[in-house]
Amino acid sequence: MRKPYSSDITRKQFDIIKPHLESAKKKTKPREVDLYDVFCGILYLLKNGCTWHDLPHDLPDYKLVNYYYGVWSKKDDEGTSILDQILAELVNLERRVTREKSTPSMLIVDSKSIKNADTAEEKGYDAGKKISGVKLHIGVDVLGLPYAACVTTANVTDRNGAIQMFSEPKVSLETLKTILADGTYTGKALAKEIKKLTGATVKIAKRPELHEFSVIPKRWIVERSFAWLDKCRRLWKNCERHLQTTLDMVTLAFSSILLQRF
């Protein structure tokens, strides 16, 4: 019996996602490893920002943990992974608990540039933020739950990133009516393309006066979602070789946050 870590989830919380994790690999004989400990090993790496080799010795071998992470993050023919399915289920469960409709009518979008570590292979330069690395684009509902996300190199503009993000949404957005964004998403071309992709209208939220601080209604929600992700040290810098791996870590981080609520 190993000691618990702060990144662990409970057995009860794990039971919510256990069917998804077990379905990823056909069981032909009794498993010699506890999938709970394997998943907790991934959460330990995500929260503490260590390398795979530095996972504690009382957790399963790092090679095994990394293997299962690869299995659970592998995309199927429809472009979704086990991790994507888990996050979608947790988002729907949270909306039911809070008595929200099954799908949102409004999303708030924003982006965040993240510096690269020396192990990252793909990068670009964000001239506005003076950051060389990647850029995370997300669209969240009024609860701060993610419904769309993508990772690009940092040189991709917020407008182009939003178009890419909504080109392949992970869930149905048929009820979406409004997309709330800041001034960097201004433009008729973007509004027209988003209308074509989602049927939603882009609404730009602007500050009342220049150089004066004020809380813009609803806009703070997406900033809070970014703050949730900052609790995971693995996401403080981008150390992943591929953009998809970075997005998988973001998906896992949101899933971990939601699991802690149940």
Protein backbone atom coordinates (compact mmCIF):
# COMPACT_ATOMS: atom_id res chain seq x y z
CA MET A 1 0.00 0.00 0.00
CA ARG A 2 1.68 3.20 -1.17
CA LYS A 3 1.29 6.58 0.44
CA PRO A 4 -1.14 8.97 -1.28
CA TYR A 5 0.09 12.02 -3.20
CA SER A 6 -1.66 15.37 -3.44
CA SER A 7 -2.20 14.77 -7.15
CA ASP A 8 -4.10 11.50 -6.55
CA ILE A 9 -7.81 11.15 -7.08
CA THR A 10 -9.91 8.88 -4.89
CA ARG A 11 -11.04 5.38 -5.83
CA LYS A 12 -14.61 6.66 -5.99
CA GLN A 13 -13.61 9.37 -8.46
CA PHE A 14 -11.59 6.87 -10.47
CA ASP A 15 -14.64 4.60 -10.81
CA ILE A 16 -16.31 7.32 -12.93
CA ILE A 17 -13.70 7.00 -15.66
CA LYS A 18 -12.59 3.40 -15.10
CA PRO A 19 -14.83 1.89 -17.84
CA HIS A 20 -13.27 4.20 -20.44
CA LEU A 21 -9.71 3.35 -19.39
CA GLU A 22 -10.38 -0.39 -19.34
CA SER A 23 -12.00 -0.34 -22.78
CA ALA A 24 -8.85 1.00 -24.41
CA LYS A 25 -7.15 -2.38 -24.31
CA LYS A 26 -8.80 -5.76 -24.64
CA LYS A 27 -8.40 -7.83 -21.49
CA THR A 28 -7.15 -11.32 -22.36
CA LYS A 29 -5.82 -12.16 -18.90
CA PRO A 30 -5.95 -10.69 -15.38
CA ARG A 31 -4.09 -7.38 -15.21
CA GLU A 32 -0.94 -7.42 -13.11
CA VAL A 33 -1.05 -3.64 -12.66
CA ASP A 34 -3.70 -1.48 -11.00
CA LEU A 35 -4.95 1.07 -13.54
CA TYR A 36 -5.73 3.39 -10.65
CA ASP A 37 -2.03 3.64 -9.78
CA VAL A 38 -1.14 4.07 -13.45
CA PHE A 39 -3.57 6.97 -13.85
CA CYS A 40 -2.36 8.53 -10.60
CA GLY A 41 1.18 8.28 -11.97
CA ILE A 42 0.16 10.38 -14.98
CA LEU A 43 -1.53 12.90 -12.69
CA TYR A 44 1.64 13.08 -10.55
CA LEU A 45 3.70 13.96 -13.63
CA LEU A 46 1.11 16.52 -14.75
CA LYS A 47 0.87 18.33 -11.41
CA ASN A 48 4.54 18.25 -10.40
CA GLY A 49 6.09 18.78 -13.81
CA CYS A 50 8.67 16.01 -13.51
CA THR A 51 9.96 13.79 -16.31
CA TRP A 52 8.69 10.27 -16.89
CA HIS A 53 11.95 8.87 -15.50
CA ASP A 54 11.45 10.72 -12.21
CA LEU A 55 8.12 9.19 -11.22
CA PRO A 56 8.28 7.91 -7.60
CA HIS A 57 9.30 4.29 -7.22
CA ASP A 58 6.15 3.36 -5.30
CA LEU A 59 4.13 4.11 -8.45
CA PRO A 60 4.17 1.68 -11.40
CA ASP A 61 7.29 1.67 -13.58
CA TYR A 62 7.53 4.86 -15.64
CA LYS A 63 7.71 2.86 -18.90
CA LEU A 64 4.38 1.21 -18.12
CA VAL A 65 2.78 4.52 -17.13
CA ASN A 66 4.04 6.13 -20.34
CA TYR A 67 2.75 3.17 -22.36
CA TYR A 68 -0.78 3.47 -20.98
CA TYR A 69 -0.69 7.24 -21.49
CA GLY A 70 0.07 6.59 -25.15
CA VAL A 71 -2.79 4.11 -25.41
CA TRP A 72 -5.30 6.46 -23.77
CA SER A 73 -4.24 9.48 -25.85
CA LYS A 74 -4.23 7.65 -29.20
CA LYS A 75 -6.79 8.98 -31.68
CA ASP A 76 -9.34 6.66 -33.24
CA ASP A 77 -10.77 6.89 -36.78
CA GLU A 78 -13.07 9.72 -35.67
CA GLY A 79 -10.18 11.76 -34.27
CA THR A 80 -11.02 11.29 -30.58
CA SER A 81 -9.08 9.55 -27.84
CA ILE A 82 -10.01 7.93 -24.54
CA LEU A 83 -8.90 11.13 -22.79
CA ASP A 84 -11.20 13.18 -25.05
CA GLN A 85 -14.12 10.90 -24.23
CA ILE A 86 -13.44 11.15 -20.51
CA LEU A 87 -13.35 14.95 -20.58
CA ALA A 88 -16.57 15.15 -22.61
CA GLU A 89 -18.35 12.88 -20.10
CA LEU A 90 -17.08 14.86 -17.11
CA VAL A 91 -18.15 18.17 -18.70
CA ASN A 92 -21.67 16.80 -19.34
CA LEU A 93 -21.83 15.41 -15.80
CA GLU A 94 -20.82 18.74 -14.28
CA ARG A 95 -23.43 20.60 -16.33
CA ARG A 96 -26.11 18.17 -15.14
CA VAL A 97 -25.03 18.64 -11.53
CA THR A 98 -25.29 22.43 -11.91
CA ARG A 99 -28.63 22.05 -13.74
CA GLU A 100 -27.36 23.57 -16.96
CA LYS A 101 -28.55 22.50 -20.39
CA SER A 102 -26.64 19.63 -21.99
CA THR A 103 -24.96 21.94 -24.52
CA PRO A 104 -24.10 25.64 -24.17
CA SER A 105 -25.54 28.56 -26.12
CA MET A 106 -22.48 30.75 -25.52
CA LEU A 107 -18.73 30.18 -25.42
CA ILE A 108 -15.98 32.53 -24.29
CA VAL A 109 -12.74 32.23 -26.28
CA ASP A 110 -9.20 33.35 -25.61
CA SER A 111 -5.61 32.25 -26.11
CA LYS A 112 -2.43 32.01 -24.06
CA SER A 113 1.16 31.86 -25.29
CA ILE A 114 3.43 29.39 -23.48
CA LYS A 115 7.23 29.41 -23.58
CA ASN A 116 8.99 26.36 -24.94
CA ALA A 117 11.50 24.23 -23.08
CA ASP A 118 14.54 22.94 -24.97
CA THR A 119 12.83 19.57 -25.51
CA ALA A 120 9.98 21.07 -27.57
CA GLU A 121 10.32 20.68 -31.32
CA GLU A 122 7.60 22.97 -32.69
CA LYS A 123 7.62 26.68 -31.94
CA GLY A 124 6.79 30.12 -33.25
CA TYR A 125 7.30 33.70 -32.06
CA ASP A 126 4.45 35.74 -30.58
CA ALA A 127 5.50 39.31 -31.33
CA GLY A 128 2.81 40.77 -29.08
CA LYS A 129 3.72 38.79 -25.95
CA LYS A 130 7.44 38.50 -26.89
CA ILE A 131 7.26 34.75 -26.36
CA SER A 132 8.82 31.97 -28.41
CA GLY A 133 6.80 28.81 -28.03
CA VAL A 134 3.25 27.60 -28.57
CA LYS A 135 -0.20 29.07 -28.13
CA LEU A 136 -3.19 27.44 -26.44
CA HIS A 137 -6.64 28.41 -27.74
CA ILE A 138 -9.72 27.43 -25.73
CA GLY A 139 -13.46 28.04 -25.80
CA VAL A 140 -15.30 27.58 -22.49
CA ASP A 141 -18.91 27.81 -21.35
CA VAL A 142 -20.22 30.02 -18.54
CA LEU A 143 -18.94 27.47 -16.00
CA GLY A 144 -15.43 27.61 -17.40
CA LEU A 145 -15.71 24.10 -18.86
CA PRO A 146 -13.85 23.47 -22.16
CA TYR A 147 -15.84 22.75 -25.31
CA ALA A 148 -13.19 23.57 -27.89
CA ALA A 149 -9.41 23.70 -27.74
CA CYS A 150 -6.35 23.54 -29.96
CA VAL A 151 -2.63 24.18 -29.70
CA THR A 152 -0.69 26.02 -32.40
CA THR A 153 2.73 27.57 -32.68
CA ALA A 154 2.86 30.99 -31.02
CA ASN A 155 3.10 32.90 -34.32
CA VAL A 156 -0.47 31.90 -35.27
CA THR A 157 -2.85 34.81 -34.67
CA ASP A 158 -5.78 34.52 -32.29
CA ARG A 159 -8.20 34.83 -35.23
CA ASN A 160 -6.61 31.99 -37.22
CA GLY A 161 -6.33 29.90 -34.05
CA ALA A 162 -10.05 30.35 -33.37
CA ILE A 163 -10.92 29.21 -36.89
CA GLN A 164 -8.72 26.14 -36.50
CA MET A 165 -10.22 25.41 -33.07
CA PHE A 166 -13.81 25.45 -34.33
CA SER A 167 -13.02 23.58 -37.53
CA GLU A 168 -12.85 20.29 -35.62
CA PRO A 169 -14.85 20.64 -32.38
CA LYS A 170 -14.78 17.68 -29.98
CA VAL A 171 -18.50 17.95 -29.23
CA SER A 172 -21.64 19.07 -31.02
CA LEU A 173 -22.21 22.83 -30.92
CA GLU A 174 -25.60 22.89 -32.58
CA THR A 175 -27.12 25.06 -29.82
CA LEU A 176 -24.28 27.59 -29.89
CA LYS A 177 -25.53 31.12 -30.59
CA THR A 178 -22.85 33.50 -29.31
CA ILE A 179 -19.06 33.49 -29.08
CA LEU A 180 -17.69 36.14 -26.73
CA ALA A 181 -14.16 37.38 -27.44
CA ASP A 182 -11.85 40.33 -26.81
CA GLY A 183 -10.62 42.96 -29.26
CA THR A 184 -7.98 40.72 -30.86
CA TYR A 185 -10.77 38.74 -32.52
CA THR A 186 -12.24 41.78 -34.28
CA GLY A 187 -12.83 41.41 -38.00
CA LYS A 188 -15.59 40.69 -40.49
CA ALA A 189 -13.64 37.82 -42.05
CA LEU A 190 -13.42 35.99 -38.72
CA ALA A 191 -17.08 36.62 -37.88
CA LYS A 192 -18.11 35.28 -41.29
CA GLU A 193 -15.95 32.15 -40.99
CA ILE A 194 -17.13 31.41 -37.43
CA LYS A 195 -20.74 31.86 -38.55
CA LYS A 196 -20.09 29.35 -41.31
CA LEU A 197 -18.46 26.80 -38.99
CA THR A 198 -20.71 27.05 -35.95
CA GLY A 199 -23.68 29.21 -36.85
CA ALA A 200 -22.80 31.49 -33.93
CA THR A 201 -22.34 35.24 -33.84
CA VAL A 202 -19.04 36.69 -32.62
CA LYS A 203 -19.52 39.35 -29.95
CA ILE A 204 -16.54 41.53 -29.04
CA ALA A 205 -16.27 42.64 -25.40
CA LYS A 206 -14.31 45.87 -25.06
CA ARG A 207 -13.13 47.88 -22.07
CA PRO A 208 -14.99 51.18 -21.52
CA GLU A 209 -11.87 53.34 -21.44
CA LEU A 210 -8.24 52.90 -22.38
CA HIS A 211 -5.75 52.36 -19.51
CA GLU A 212 -8.53 51.89 -16.99
CA PHE A 213 -9.01 48.54 -15.27
CA SER A 214 -12.46 47.03 -15.24
CA VAL A 215 -13.86 43.53 -15.09
CA ILE A 216 -15.53 42.71 -18.40
CA PRO A 217 -18.69 40.63 -17.87
CA LYS A 218 -18.17 36.92 -18.71
CA ARG A 219 -14.63 37.51 -20.02
CA TRP A 220 -13.10 36.68 -16.63
CA ILE A 221 -14.45 33.13 -16.91
CA VAL A 222 -11.95 32.04 -19.53
CA GLU A 223 -9.12 33.68 -17.57
CA ARG A 224 -10.15 31.59 -14.57
CA SER A 225 -9.97 28.45 -16.73
CA PHE A 226 -6.38 29.35 -17.65
CA ALA A 227 -5.68 29.83 -13.93
CA TRP A 228 -6.98 26.31 -13.25
CA LEU A 229 -4.49 24.94 -15.76
CA ASP A 230 -1.65 26.79 -14.04
CA LYS A 231 -2.06 24.45 -11.08
CA CYS A 232 -0.33 21.85 -13.25
CA ARG A 233 3.40 22.53 -13.40
CA ARG A 234 3.76 20.42 -16.53
CA LEU A 235 1.87 23.21 -18.34
CA TRP A 236 3.99 26.11 -17.03
CA LYS A 237 6.32 25.54 -19.97
CA ASN A 238 5.80 23.52 -23.09
CA CYS A 239 8.24 20.62 -22.99
CA GLU A 240 6.35 18.34 -25.37
CA ARG A 241 7.80 17.48 -28.76
CA HIS A 242 4.49 17.64 -30.60
CA LEU A 243 1.56 20.06 -30.40
CA GLN A 244 -0.94 17.21 -30.05
CA THR A 245 0.85 15.95 -26.93
CA THR A 246 0.53 19.41 -25.38
CA LEU A 247 -3.19 19.39 -26.14
CA ASP A 248 -3.50 15.91 -24.58
CA MET A 249 -1.92 17.26 -21.39
CA VAL A 250 -4.43 20.13 -21.35
CA THR A 251 -7.28 17.63 -21.79
CA LEU A 252 -5.91 15.56 -18.93
CA ALA A 253 -5.56 18.66 -16.73
CA PHE A 254 -9.19 19.69 -17.22
CA SER A 255 -10.28 16.10 -16.52
CA SER A 256 -8.28 16.06 -13.29
CA ILE A 257 -9.84 19.35 -12.18
CA LEU A 258 -13.37 18.07 -12.83
CA LEU A 259 -12.74 14.73 -11.14
CA GLN A 260 -11.79 16.54 -7.93
CA ARG A 261 -15.36 17.90 -7.78
CA PHE A 262 -17.08 14.52 -7.54
